Amino acid sequence: MTDVPIPESRGLQAERTDLSWSRTALAFAVNGSLLLLRQHMSGPTWLHIAGACLAVILLIFTLVMSHRRRRVLVKRPLPMPLADPIALTLLACGTSLLGLTTLVMLIA
C-alpha cells in the first residue's frame, strides 16, 4: 500500500464510510444471531453452526478493519488507498458466502 496523499475535499465521505463499517459489523452480528435462532426442533444443524461461525468471523474482521480505518482517518492528508484491497476482497467473498449460506438455510 502506497502512501500517496488524497487531495483535501470539503465533504465527509471518509467519515461516512467509517460509519458504514459499523453498520456492516452490526449486520453480521444480527445475521449470526438469526441463524442460531432459526433452528429445527432437533437442534442446530452443522449449517446453522457454520453460518453463525462465519458471521462471527466476519464481524471480528469488520471491527478490526473499522478500527484500522479510524486510525487512517486521523492522518491528514489522507493516504491513498484508504482501505487495503486484499482485505476488501476477503470481506466481499466472506459476505457472499454468508449470504449463500443464509439462502440455503432459508430454502431448506
PDB file of N, CA and C in Angstrom:
ATOM      1  N   MET A   1       0.849  -1.176   0.000  1.00  0.00           N
ATOM      2  CA  MET A   1       0.000   0.000   0.000  1.00  0.00           C
ATOM      3  C   MET A   1       0.891   1.233   0.000  1.00  0.00           C
ATOM      4  N   THR A   2       0.694   2.102  -0.948  1.00  0.00           N
ATOM      5  CA  THR A   2       1.486   3.316  -1.032  1.00  0.00           C
ATOM      6  C   THR A   2       0.801   4.429  -0.272  1.00  0.00           C
ATOM      7  N   ASP A   3       1.583   5.362   0.189  1.00  0.00           N
ATOM      8  CA  ASP A   3       1.042   6.480   0.950  1.00  0.00           C
ATOM      9  C   ASP A   3       0.997   7.739   0.101  1.00  0.00           C
ATOM     10  N   VAL A   4       0.245   7.685  -0.982  1.00  0.00           N
ATOM     11  CA  VAL A   4       0.043   8.845  -1.832  1.00  0.00           C
ATOM     12  C   VAL A   4      -1.112   9.632  -1.248  1.00  0.00           C
ATOM     13  N   PRO A   5      -0.907  10.899  -0.923  1.00  0.00           N
ATOM     14  CA  PRO A   5      -1.998  11.652  -0.299  1.00  0.00           C
ATOM     15  C   PRO A   5      -3.163  11.907  -1.242  1.00  0.00           C
ATOM     16  N   ILE A   6      -4.350  11.884  -0.661  1.00  0.00           N
ATOM     17  CA  ILE A   6      -5.575  12.234  -1.383  1.00  0.00           C
ATOM     18  C   ILE A   6      -5.760  13.744  -1.233  1.00  0.00           C
ATOM     19  N   PRO A   7      -6.083  14.448  -2.303  1.00  0.00           N
ATOM     20  CA  PRO A   7      -6.324  15.886  -2.162  1.00  0.00           C
ATOM     21  C   PRO A   7      -7.476  16.143  -1.182  1.00  0.00           C
ATOM     22  N   GLU A   8      -7.333  17.183  -0.409  1.00  0.00           N
ATOM     23  CA  GLU A   8      -8.359  17.528   0.577  1.00  0.00           C
ATOM     24  C   GLU A   8      -9.676  17.869  -0.105  1.00  0.00           C
ATOM     25  N   SER A   9     -10.750  17.379   0.446  1.00  0.00           N
ATOM     26  CA  SER A   9     -12.076  17.719  -0.069  1.00  0.00           C
ATOM     27  C   SER A   9     -12.908  18.241   1.088  1.00  0.00           C
ATOM     28  N   ARG A  10     -13.937  18.941   0.765  1.00  0.00           N
ATOM     29  CA  ARG A  10     -14.772  19.531   1.802  1.00  0.00           C
ATOM     30  C   ARG A  10     -15.777  18.547   2.388  1.00  0.00           C
ATOM     31  N   GLY A  11     -16.050  17.473   1.687  1.00  0.00           N
ATOM     32  CA  GLY A  11     -17.055  16.529   2.149  1.00  0.00           C
ATOM     33  C   GLY A  11     -16.555  15.615   3.258  1.00  0.00           C
ATOM     34  N   LEU A  12     -17.461  14.836   3.779  1.00  0.00           N
ATOM     35  CA  LEU A  12     -17.140  13.892   4.848  1.00  0.00           C
ATOM     36  C   LEU A  12     -17.282  12.460   4.351  1.00  0.00           C
ATOM     37  N   GLN A  13     -16.867  12.196   3.116  1.00  0.00           N
ATOM     38  CA  GLN A  13     -17.049  10.880   2.539  1.00  0.00           C
ATOM     39  C   GLN A  13     -16.320   9.813   3.347  1.00  0.00           C
ATOM     40  N   ALA A  14     -15.105  10.084   3.758  1.00  0.00           N
ATOM     41  CA  ALA A  14     -14.332   9.093   4.509  1.00  0.00           C
ATOM     42  C   ALA A  14     -14.990   8.783   5.858  1.00  0.00           C
ATOM     43  N   GLU A  15     -15.514   9.799   6.522  1.00  0.00           N
ATOM     44  CA  GLU A  15     -16.165   9.589   7.810  1.00  0.00           C
ATOM     45  C   GLU A  15     -17.481   8.826   7.649  1.00  0.00           C
ATOM     46  N   ARG A  16     -18.212   9.106   6.585  1.00  0.00           N
ATOM     47  CA  ARG A  16     -19.447   8.361   6.333  1.00  0.00           C
ATOM     48  C   ARG A  16     -19.148   6.907   6.022  1.00  0.00           C
ATOM     49  N   THR A  17     -18.058   6.664   5.314  1.00  0.00           N
ATOM     50  CA  THR A  17     -17.669   5.295   5.029  1.00  0.00           C
ATOM     51  C   THR A  17     -17.299   4.578   6.314  1.00  0.00           C
ATOM     52  N   ASP A  18     -16.695   5.275   7.258  1.00  0.00           N
ATOM     53  CA  ASP A  18     -16.382   4.682   8.556  1.00  0.00           C
ATOM     54  C   ASP A  18     -17.656   4.239   9.267  1.00  0.00           C
ATOM     55  N   LEU A  19     -18.703   5.036   9.166  1.00  0.00           N
ATOM     56  CA  LEU A  19     -19.984   4.651   9.764  1.00  0.00           C
ATOM     57  C   LEU A  19     -20.562   3.415   9.084  1.00  0.00           C
ATOM     58  N   SER A  20     -20.328   3.279   7.789  1.00  0.00           N
ATOM     59  CA  SER A  20     -20.843   2.102   7.092  1.00  0.00           C
ATOM     60  C   SER A  20     -20.135   0.833   7.548  1.00  0.00           C
ATOM     61  N   TRP A  21     -18.869   0.937   7.963  1.00  0.00           N
ATOM     62  CA  TRP A  21     -18.182  -0.231   8.533  1.00  0.00           C
ATOM     63  C   TRP A  21     -18.905  -0.695   9.797  1.00  0.00           C
ATOM     64  N   SER A  22     -19.346   0.249  10.616  1.00  0.00           N
ATOM     65  CA  SER A  22     -20.077  -0.105  11.845  1.00  0.00           C
ATOM     66  C   SER A  22     -21.413  -0.764  11.521  1.00  0.00           C
ATOM     67  N   ARG A  23     -22.110  -0.248  10.526  1.00  0.00           N
ATOM     68  CA  ARG A  23     -23.381  -0.865  10.128  1.00  0.00           C
ATOM     69  C   ARG A  23     -23.173  -2.266   9.574  1.00  0.00           C
ATOM     70  N   THR A  24     -22.088  -2.464   8.853  1.00  0.00           N
ATOM     71  CA  THR A  24     -21.798  -3.794   8.319  1.00  0.00           C
ATOM     72  C   THR A  24     -21.517  -4.771   9.446  1.00  0.00           C
ATOM     73  N   ALA A  25     -20.759  -4.343  10.447  1.00  0.00           N
ATOM     74  CA  ALA A  25     -20.482  -5.207  11.597  1.00  0.00           C
ATOM     75  C   ALA A  25     -21.780  -5.560  12.328  1.00  0.00           C
ATOM     76  N   LEU A  26     -22.670  -4.589  12.479  1.00  0.00           N
ATOM     77  CA  LEU A  26     -23.953  -4.843  13.124  1.00  0.00           C
ATOM     78  C   LEU A  26     -24.780  -5.841  12.314  1.00  0.00           C
ATOM     79  N   ALA A  27     -24.740  -5.728  10.994  1.00  0.00           N
ATOM     80  CA  ALA A  27     -25.488  -6.657  10.133  1.00  0.00           C
ATOM     81  C   ALA A  27     -24.963  -8.084  10.290  1.00  0.00           C
ATOM     82  N   PHE A  28     -23.651  -8.243  10.404  1.00  0.00           N
ATOM     83  CA  PHE A  28     -23.091  -9.578  10.614  1.00  0.00           C
ATOM     84  C   PHE A  28     -23.530 -10.148  11.961  1.00  0.00           C
ATOM     85  N   ALA A  29     -23.561  -9.309  13.001  1.00  0.00           N
ATOM     86  CA  ALA A  29     -23.991  -9.775  14.327  1.00  0.00           C
ATOM     87  C   ALA A  29     -25.450 -10.219  14.296  1.00  0.00           C
ATOM     88  N   VAL A  30     -26.295  -9.445  13.648  1.00  0.00           N
ATOM     89  CA  VAL A  30     -27.716  -9.789  13.559  1.00  0.00           C
ATOM     90  C   VAL A  30     -27.906 -11.059  12.725  1.00  0.00           C
ATOM     91  N   ASN A  31     -27.186 -11.175  11.622  1.00  0.00           N
ATOM     92  CA  ASN A  31     -27.308 -12.351  10.761  1.00  0.00           C
ATOM     93  C   ASN A  31     -26.884 -13.604  11.518  1.00  0.00           C
ATOM     94  N   GLY A  32     -25.775 -13.548  12.231  1.00  0.00           N
ATOM     95  CA  GLY A  32     -25.334 -14.709  13.006  1.00  0.00           C
ATOM     96  C   GLY A  32     -26.321 -15.096  14.083  1.00  0.00           C
ATOM     97  N   SER A  33     -26.896 -14.094  14.749  1.00  0.00           N
ATOM     98  CA  SER A  33     -27.887 -14.374  15.790  1.00  0.00           C
ATOM     99  C   SER A  33     -29.144 -15.017  15.204  1.00  0.00           C
ATOM    100  N   LEU A  34     -29.599 -14.486  14.090  1.00  0.00           N
ATOM    101  CA  LEU A  34     -30.795 -15.050  13.463  1.00  0.00           C
ATOM    102  C   LEU A  34     -30.563 -16.464  12.946  1.00  0.00           C
ATOM    103  N   LEU A  35     -29.346 -16.741  12.484  1.00  0.00           N
ATOM    104  CA  LEU A  35     -29.045 -18.096  12.033  1.00  0.00           C
ATOM    105  C   LEU A  35     -29.129 -19.087  13.185  1.00  0.00           C
ATOM    106  N   LEU A  36     -28.685 -18.684  14.350  1.00  0.00           N
ATOM    107  CA  LEU A  36     -28.760 -19.581  15.500  1.00  0.00           C
ATOM    108  C   LEU A  36     -30.183 -19.704  16.040  1.00  0.00           C
ATOM    109  N   LEU A  37     -30.964 -18.648  15.909  1.00  0.00           N
ATOM    110  CA  LEU A  37     -32.344 -18.702  16.390  1.00  0.00           C
ATOM    111  C   LEU A  37     -33.239 -19.520  15.461  1.00  0.00           C
ATOM    112  N   ARG A  38     -32.906 -19.565  14.188  1.00  0.00           N
ATOM    113  CA  ARG A  38     -33.725 -20.292  13.215  1.00  0.00           C
ATOM    114  C   ARG A  38     -33.198 -21.715  13.081  1.00  0.00           C
ATOM    115  N   GLN A  39     -33.529 -22.526  14.041  1.00  0.00           N
ATOM    116  CA  GLN A  39     -33.093 -23.916  14.016  1.00  0.00           C
ATOM    117  C   GLN A  39     -34.301 -24.825  14.180  1.00  0.00           C
ATOM    118  N   HIS A  40     -34.123 -26.062  13.788  1.00  0.00           N
ATOM    119  CA  HIS A  40     -35.207 -27.019  13.861  1.00  0.00           C
ATOM    120  C   HIS A  40     -35.359 -27.522  15.298  1.00  0.00           C
ATOM    121  N   MET A  41     -36.425 -28.234  15.564  1.00  0.00           N
ATOM    122  CA  MET A  41     -36.704 -28.727  16.914  1.00  0.00           C
ATOM    123  C   MET A  41     -35.609 -29.677  17.419  1.00  0.00           C
ATOM    124  N   SER A  42     -34.918 -30.351  16.515  1.00  0.00           N
ATOM    125  CA  SER A  42     -33.888 -31.305  16.931  1.00  0.00           C
ATOM    126  C   SER A  42     -32.583 -30.624  17.298  1.00  0.00           C
ATOM    127  N   GLY A  43     -32.481 -29.329  17.149  1.00  0.00           N
ATOM    128  CA  GLY A  43     -31.259 -28.608  17.469  1.00  0.00           C
ATOM    129  C   GLY A  43     -30.616 -28.047  16.220  1.00  0.00           C
ATOM    130  N   PRO A  44     -29.575 -27.269  16.399  1.00  0.00           N
ATOM    131  CA  PRO A  44     -28.929 -26.660  15.232  1.00  0.00           C
ATOM    132  C   PRO A  44     -28.182 -27.694  14.388  1.00  0.00           C
ATOM    133  N   THR A  45     -28.242 -27.519  13.094  1.00  0.00           N
ATOM    134  CA  THR A  45     -27.510 -28.399  12.192  1.00  0.00           C
ATOM    135  C   THR A  45     -26.108 -27.829  11.990  1.00  0.00           C
ATOM    136  N   TRP A  46     -25.285 -28.576  11.279  1.00  0.00           N
ATOM    137  CA  TRP A  46     -23.928 -28.099  11.022  1.00  0.00           C
ATOM    138  C   TRP A  46     -23.943 -26.835  10.183  1.00  0.00           C
ATOM    139  N   LEU A  47     -24.978 -26.671   9.344  1.00  0.00           N
ATOM    140  CA  LEU A  47     -25.069 -25.477   8.514  1.00  0.00           C
ATOM    141  C   LEU A  47     -25.375 -24.237   9.357  1.00  0.00           C
ATOM    142  N   HIS A  48     -26.237 -24.414  10.374  1.00  0.00           N
ATOM    143  CA  HIS A  48     -26.522 -23.297  11.288  1.00  0.00           C
ATOM    144  C   HIS A  48     -25.255 -22.871  12.022  1.00  0.00           C
ATOM    145  N   ILE A  49     -24.523 -23.855  12.550  1.00  0.00           N
ATOM    146  CA  ILE A  49     -23.311 -23.562  13.305  1.00  0.00           C
ATOM    147  C   ILE A  49     -22.260 -22.925  12.393  1.00  0.00           C
ATOM    148  N   ALA A  50     -22.083 -23.470  11.182  1.00  0.00           N
ATOM    149  CA  ALA A  50     -21.098 -22.929  10.239  1.00  0.00           C
ATOM    150  C   ALA A  50     -21.448 -21.497   9.837  1.00  0.00           C
ATOM    151  N   GLY A  51     -22.724 -21.247   9.582  1.00  0.00           N
ATOM    152  CA  GLY A  51     -23.148 -19.895   9.214  1.00  0.00           C
ATOM    153  C   GLY A  51     -22.938 -18.900  10.345  1.00  0.00           C
ATOM    154  N   ALA A  52     -23.266 -19.311  11.564  1.00  0.00           N
ATOM    155  CA  ALA A  52     -23.077 -18.424  12.716  1.00  0.00           C
ATOM    156  C   ALA A  52     -21.588 -18.170  12.956  1.00  0.00           C
ATOM    157  N   CYS A  53     -20.762 -19.199  12.811  1.00  0.00           N
ATOM    158  CA  CYS A  53     -19.311 -19.023  12.977  1.00  0.00           C
ATOM    159  C   CYS A  53     -18.747 -18.089  11.913  1.00  0.00           C
ATOM    160  N   LEU A  54     -19.205 -18.246  10.679  1.00  0.00           N
ATOM    161  CA  LEU A  54     -18.768 -17.357   9.604  1.00  0.00           C
ATOM    162  C   LEU A  54     -19.190 -15.918   9.892  1.00  0.00           C
ATOM    163  N   ALA A  55     -20.389 -15.743  10.417  1.00  0.00           N
ATOM    164  CA  ALA A  55     -20.861 -14.394  10.758  1.00  0.00           C
ATOM    165  C   ALA A  55     -20.000 -13.779  11.857  1.00  0.00           C
ATOM    166  N   VAL A  56     -19.610 -14.574  12.839  1.00  0.00           N
ATOM    167  CA  VAL A  56     -18.763 -14.064  13.927  1.00  0.00           C
ATOM    168  C   VAL A  56     -17.378 -13.701  13.393  1.00  0.00           C
ATOM    169  N   ILE A  57     -16.829 -14.545  12.523  1.00  0.00           N
ATOM    170  CA  ILE A  57     -15.516 -14.254  11.933  1.00  0.00           C
ATOM    171  C   ILE A  57     -15.575 -12.960  11.122  1.00  0.00           C
ATOM    172  N   LEU A  58     -16.620 -12.803  10.325  1.00  0.00           N
ATOM    173  CA  LEU A  58     -16.773 -11.578   9.542  1.00  0.00           C
ATOM    174  C   LEU A  58     -17.006 -10.364  10.428  1.00  0.00           C
ATOM    175  N   LEU A  59     -17.728 -10.547  11.528  1.00  0.00           N
ATOM    176  CA  LEU A  59     -17.945  -9.459  12.477  1.00  0.00           C
ATOM    177  C   LEU A  59     -16.614  -8.986  13.051  1.00  0.00           C
ATOM    178  N   ILE A  60     -15.787  -9.911  13.502  1.00  0.00           N
ATOM    179  CA  ILE A  60     -14.488  -9.547  14.083  1.00  0.00           C
ATOM    180  C   ILE A  60     -13.599  -8.899  13.023  1.00  0.00           C
ATOM    181  N   PHE A  61     -13.575  -9.474  11.833  1.00  0.00           N
ATOM    182  CA  PHE A  61     -12.774  -8.925  10.743  1.00  0.00           C
ATOM    183  C   PHE A  61     -13.219  -7.500  10.410  1.00  0.00           C
ATOM    184  N   THR A  62     -14.517  -7.268  10.378  1.00  0.00           N
ATOM    185  CA  THR A  62     -15.046  -5.941  10.074  1.00  0.00           C
ATOM    186  C   THR A  62     -14.706  -4.943  11.170  1.00  0.00           C
ATOM    187  N   LEU A  63     -14.779  -5.366  12.422  1.00  0.00           N
ATOM    188  CA  LEU A  63     -14.422  -4.472  13.526  1.00  0.00           C
ATOM    189  C   LEU A  63     -12.940  -4.096  13.481  1.00  0.00           C
ATOM    190  N   VAL A  64     -12.096  -5.060  13.149  1.00  0.00           N
ATOM    191  CA  VAL A  64     -10.658  -4.768  13.022  1.00  0.00           C
ATOM    192  C   VAL A  64     -10.415  -3.788  11.875  1.00  0.00           C
ATOM    193  N   MET A  65     -11.062  -4.025  10.742  1.00  0.00           N
ATOM    194  CA  MET A  65     -10.911  -3.116   9.606  1.00  0.00           C
ATOM    195  C   MET A  65     -11.445  -1.720   9.929  1.00  0.00           C
ATOM    196  N   SER A  66     -12.527  -1.644  10.668  1.00  0.00           N
ATOM    197  CA  SER A  66     -13.081  -0.359  11.069  1.00  0.00           C
ATOM    198  C   SER A  66     -12.113   0.386  11.988  1.00  0.00           C
ATOM    199  N   HIS A  67     -11.500  -0.340  12.902  1.00  0.00           N
ATOM    200  CA  HIS A  67     -10.531   0.283  13.807  1.00  0.00           C
ATOM    201  C   HIS A  67      -9.328   0.813  13.023  1.00  0.00           C
ATOM    202  N   ARG A  68      -8.839   0.036  12.075  1.00  0.00           N
ATOM    203  CA  ARG A  68      -7.719   0.485  11.233  1.00  0.00           C
ATOM    204  C   ARG A  68      -8.106   1.714  10.425  1.00  0.00           C
ATOM    205  N   ARG A  69      -9.328   1.721   9.927  1.00  0.00           N
ATOM    206  CA  ARG A  69      -9.783   2.856   9.117  1.00  0.00           C
ATOM    207  C   ARG A  69      -9.845   4.121   9.964  1.00  0.00           C
ATOM    208  N   ARG A  70     -10.305   4.005  11.197  1.00  0.00           N
ATOM    209  CA  ARG A  70     -10.354   5.184  12.073  1.00  0.00           C
ATOM    210  C   ARG A  70      -8.959   5.758  12.300  1.00  0.00           C
ATOM    211  N   ARG A  71      -7.965   4.873  12.444  1.00  0.00           N
ATOM    212  CA  ARG A  71      -6.595   5.348  12.630  1.00  0.00           C
ATOM    213  C   ARG A  71      -6.092   6.063  11.377  1.00  0.00           C
ATOM    214  N   VAL A  72      -6.480   5.586  10.202  1.00  0.00           N
ATOM    215  CA  VAL A  72      -6.058   6.212   8.957  1.00  0.00           C
ATOM    216  C   VAL A  72      -6.737   7.564   8.780  1.00  0.00           C
ATOM    217  N   LEU A  73      -7.992   7.682   9.204  1.00  0.00           N
ATOM    218  CA  LEU A  73      -8.743   8.924   9.006  1.00  0.00           C
ATOM    219  C   LEU A  73      -8.201  10.077   9.833  1.00  0.00           C
ATOM    220  N   VAL A  74      -7.437   9.775  10.867  1.00  0.00           N
ATOM    221  CA  VAL A  74      -6.863  10.829  11.699  1.00  0.00           C
ATOM    222  C   VAL A  74      -5.755  11.561  10.943  1.00  0.00           C
ATOM    223  N   LYS A  75      -5.087  10.861  10.042  1.00  0.00           N
ATOM    224  CA  LYS A  75      -3.979  11.442   9.281  1.00  0.00           C
ATOM    225  C   LYS A  75      -4.506  12.433   8.253  1.00  0.00           C
ATOM    226  N   ARG A  76      -3.779  13.523   8.107  1.00  0.00           N
ATOM    227  CA  ARG A  76      -4.083  14.488   7.055  1.00  0.00           C
ATOM    228  C   ARG A  76      -2.796  14.845   6.368  1.00  0.00           C
ATOM    229  N   PRO A  77      -2.700  14.844   5.099  1.00  0.00           N
ATOM    230  CA  PRO A  77      -3.697  14.447   4.125  1.00  0.00           C
ATOM    231  C   PRO A  77      -3.910  12.934   4.148  1.00  0.00           C
ATOM    232  N   LEU A  78      -5.086  12.523   3.734  1.00  0.00           N
ATOM    233  CA  LEU A  78      -5.446  11.114   3.759  1.00  0.00           C
ATOM    234  C   LEU A  78      -4.597  10.325   2.765  1.00  0.00           C
ATOM    235  N   PRO A  79      -4.107   9.155   3.178  1.00  0.00           N
ATOM    236  CA  PRO A  79      -3.333   8.334   2.250  1.00  0.00           C
ATOM    237  C   PRO A  79      -4.238   7.680   1.206  1.00  0.00           C
ATOM    238  N   MET A  80      -3.607   7.254   0.135  1.00  0.00           N
ATOM    239  CA  MET A  80      -4.358   6.587  -0.937  1.00  0.00           C
ATOM    240  C   MET A  80      -3.759   5.218  -1.153  1.00  0.00           C
ATOM    241  N   PRO A  81      -4.439   4.131  -1.152  1.00  0.00           N
ATOM    242  CA  PRO A  81      -5.862   3.959  -0.899  1.00  0.00           C
ATOM    243  C   PRO A  81      -6.143   3.941   0.603  1.00  0.00           C
ATOM    244  N   LEU A  82      -7.376   4.246   0.950  1.00  0.00           N
ATOM    245  CA  LEU A  82      -7.754   4.270   2.361  1.00  0.00           C
ATOM    246  C   LEU A  82      -7.876   2.876   2.948  1.00  0.00           C
ATOM    247  N   ALA A  83      -8.350   1.927   2.170  1.00  0.00           N
ATOM    248  CA  ALA A  83      -8.554   0.560   2.656  1.00  0.00           C
ATOM    249  C   ALA A  83      -7.702  -0.395   1.834  1.00  0.00           C
ATOM    250  N   ASP A  84      -7.297  -1.473   2.484  1.00  0.00           N
ATOM    251  CA  ASP A  84      -6.485  -2.485   1.831  1.00  0.00           C
ATOM    252  C   ASP A  84      -7.344  -3.263   0.838  1.00  0.00           C
ATOM    253  N   PRO A  85      -6.967  -3.308  -0.443  1.00  0.00           N
ATOM    254  CA  PRO A  85      -7.790  -4.015  -1.435  1.00  0.00           C
ATOM    255  C   PRO A  85      -7.922  -5.508  -1.149  1.00  0.00           C
ATOM    256  N   ILE A  86      -6.898  -6.122  -0.590  1.00  0.00           N
ATOM    257  CA  ILE A  86      -6.968  -7.554  -0.268  1.00  0.00           C
ATOM    258  C   ILE A  86      -7.996  -7.792   0.831  1.00  0.00           C
ATOM    259  N   ALA A  87      -7.986  -6.941   1.847  1.00  0.00           N
ATOM    260  CA  ALA A  87      -8.956  -7.084   2.934  1.00  0.00           C
ATOM    261  C   ALA A  87     -10.380  -6.874   2.425  1.00  0.00           C
ATOM    262  N   LEU A  88     -10.558  -5.909   1.541  1.00  0.00           N
ATOM    263  CA  LEU A  88     -11.897  -5.679   0.982  1.00  0.00           C
ATOM    264  C   LEU A  88     -12.365  -6.861   0.150  1.00  0.00           C
ATOM    265  N   THR A  89     -11.448  -7.480  -0.583  1.00  0.00           N
ATOM    266  CA  THR A  89     -11.803  -8.661  -1.373  1.00  0.00           C
ATOM    267  C   THR A  89     -12.194  -9.826  -0.472  1.00  0.00           C
ATOM    268  N   LEU A  90     -11.433 -10.036   0.603  1.00  0.00           N
ATOM    269  CA  LEU A  90     -11.767 -11.093   1.559  1.00  0.00           C
ATOM    270  C   LEU A  90     -13.130 -10.841   2.197  1.00  0.00           C
ATOM    271  N   LEU A  91     -13.393  -9.603   2.549  1.00  0.00           N
ATOM    272  CA  LEU A  91     -14.682  -9.261   3.154  1.00  0.00           C
ATOM    273  C   LEU A  91     -15.821  -9.479   2.171  1.00  0.00           C
ATOM    274  N   ALA A  92     -15.615  -9.125   0.914  1.00  0.00           N
ATOM    275  CA  ALA A  92     -16.659  -9.330  -0.099  1.00  0.00           C
ATOM    276  C   ALA A  92     -16.925 -10.817  -0.317  1.00  0.00           C
ATOM    277  N   CYS A  93     -15.864 -11.616  -0.381  1.00  0.00           N
ATOM    278  CA  CYS A  93     -16.048 -13.065  -0.564  1.00  0.00           C
ATOM    279  C   CYS A  93     -16.741 -13.685   0.647  1.00  0.00           C
ATOM    280  N   GLY A  94     -16.348 -13.263   1.843  1.00  0.00           N
ATOM    281  CA  GLY A  94     -16.986 -13.780   3.050  1.00  0.00           C
ATOM    282  C   GLY A  94     -18.449 -13.390   3.134  1.00  0.00           C
ATOM    283  N   THR A  95     -18.756 -12.166   2.745  1.00  0.00           N
ATOM    284  CA  THR A  95     -20.143 -11.710   2.751  1.00  0.00           C
ATOM    285  C   THR A  95     -20.982 -12.511   1.754  1.00  0.00           C
ATOM    286  N   SER A  96     -20.416 -12.772   0.581  1.00  0.00           N
ATOM    287  CA  SER A  96     -21.125 -13.576  -0.417  1.00  0.00           C
ATOM    288  C   SER A  96     -21.368 -14.991   0.093  1.00  0.00           C
ATOM    289  N   LEU A  97     -20.362 -15.577   0.733  1.00  0.00           N
ATOM    290  CA  LEU A  97     -20.503 -16.919   1.283  1.00  0.00           C
ATOM    291  C   LEU A  97     -21.551 -16.956   2.392  1.00  0.00           C
ATOM    292  N   LEU A  98     -21.567 -15.933   3.237  1.00  0.00           N
ATOM    293  CA  LEU A  98     -22.576 -15.875   4.298  1.00  0.00           C
ATOM    294  C   LEU A  98     -23.974 -15.711   3.703  1.00  0.00           C
ATOM    295  N   GLY A  99     -24.107 -14.892   2.673  1.00  0.00           N
ATOM    296  CA  GLY A  99     -25.401 -14.736   2.016  1.00  0.00           C
ATOM    297  C   GLY A  99     -25.875 -16.030   1.378  1.00  0.00           C
ATOM    298  N   LEU A 100     -24.961 -16.742   0.759  1.00  0.00           N
ATOM    299  CA  LEU A 100     -25.306 -18.031   0.152  1.00  0.00           C
ATOM    300  C   LEU A 100     -25.710 -19.047   1.220  1.00  0.00           C
ATOM    301  N   THR A 101     -24.982 -19.069   2.326  1.00  0.00           N
ATOM    302  CA  THR A 101     -25.323 -19.971   3.430  1.00  0.00           C
ATOM    303  C   THR A 101     -26.712 -19.653   3.984  1.00  0.00           C
ATOM    304  N   THR A 102     -26.993 -18.390   4.162  1.00  0.00           N
ATOM    305  CA  THR A 102     -28.299 -17.973   4.675  1.00  0.00           C
ATOM    306  C   THR A 102     -29.408 -18.349   3.686  1.00  0.00           C
ATOM    307  N   LEU A 103     -29.159 -18.149   2.419  1.00  0.00           N
ATOM    308  CA  LEU A 103     -30.152 -18.510   1.408  1.00  0.00           C
ATOM    309  C   LEU A 103     -30.426 -20.012   1.400  1.00  0.00           C
ATOM    310  N   VAL A 104     -29.393 -20.817   1.496  1.00  0.00           N
ATOM    311  CA  VAL A 104     -29.565 -22.258   1.521  1.00  0.00           C
ATOM    312  C   VAL A 104     -30.404 -22.678   2.734  1.00  0.00           C
ATOM    313  N   MET A 105     -30.149 -22.052   3.888  1.00  0.00           N
ATOM    314  CA  MET A 105     -30.923 -22.401   5.083  1.00  0.00           C
ATOM    315  C   MET A 105     -32.379 -21.966   4.983  1.00  0.00           C
ATOM    316  N   LEU A 106     -32.614 -20.841   4.321  1.00  0.00           N
ATOM    317  CA  LEU A 106     -33.992 -20.401   4.160  1.00  0.00           C
ATOM    318  C   LEU A 106     -34.772 -21.299   3.211  1.00  0.00           C
ATOM    319  N   ILE A 107     -34.117 -21.784   2.181  1.00  0.00           N
ATOM    320  CA  ILE A 107     -34.773 -22.663   1.218  1.00  0.00           C
ATOM    321  C   ILE A 107     -35.007 -24.048   1.802  1.00  0.00           C
ATOM    322  N   ALA A 108     -34.037 -24.541   2.561  1.00  0.00           N
ATOM    323  CA  ALA A 108     -34.138 -25.899   3.111  1.00  0.00           C
ATOM    324  C   ALA A 108     -35.126 -25.990   4.240  1.00  0.00           C
TER     325      ALA A 108
END
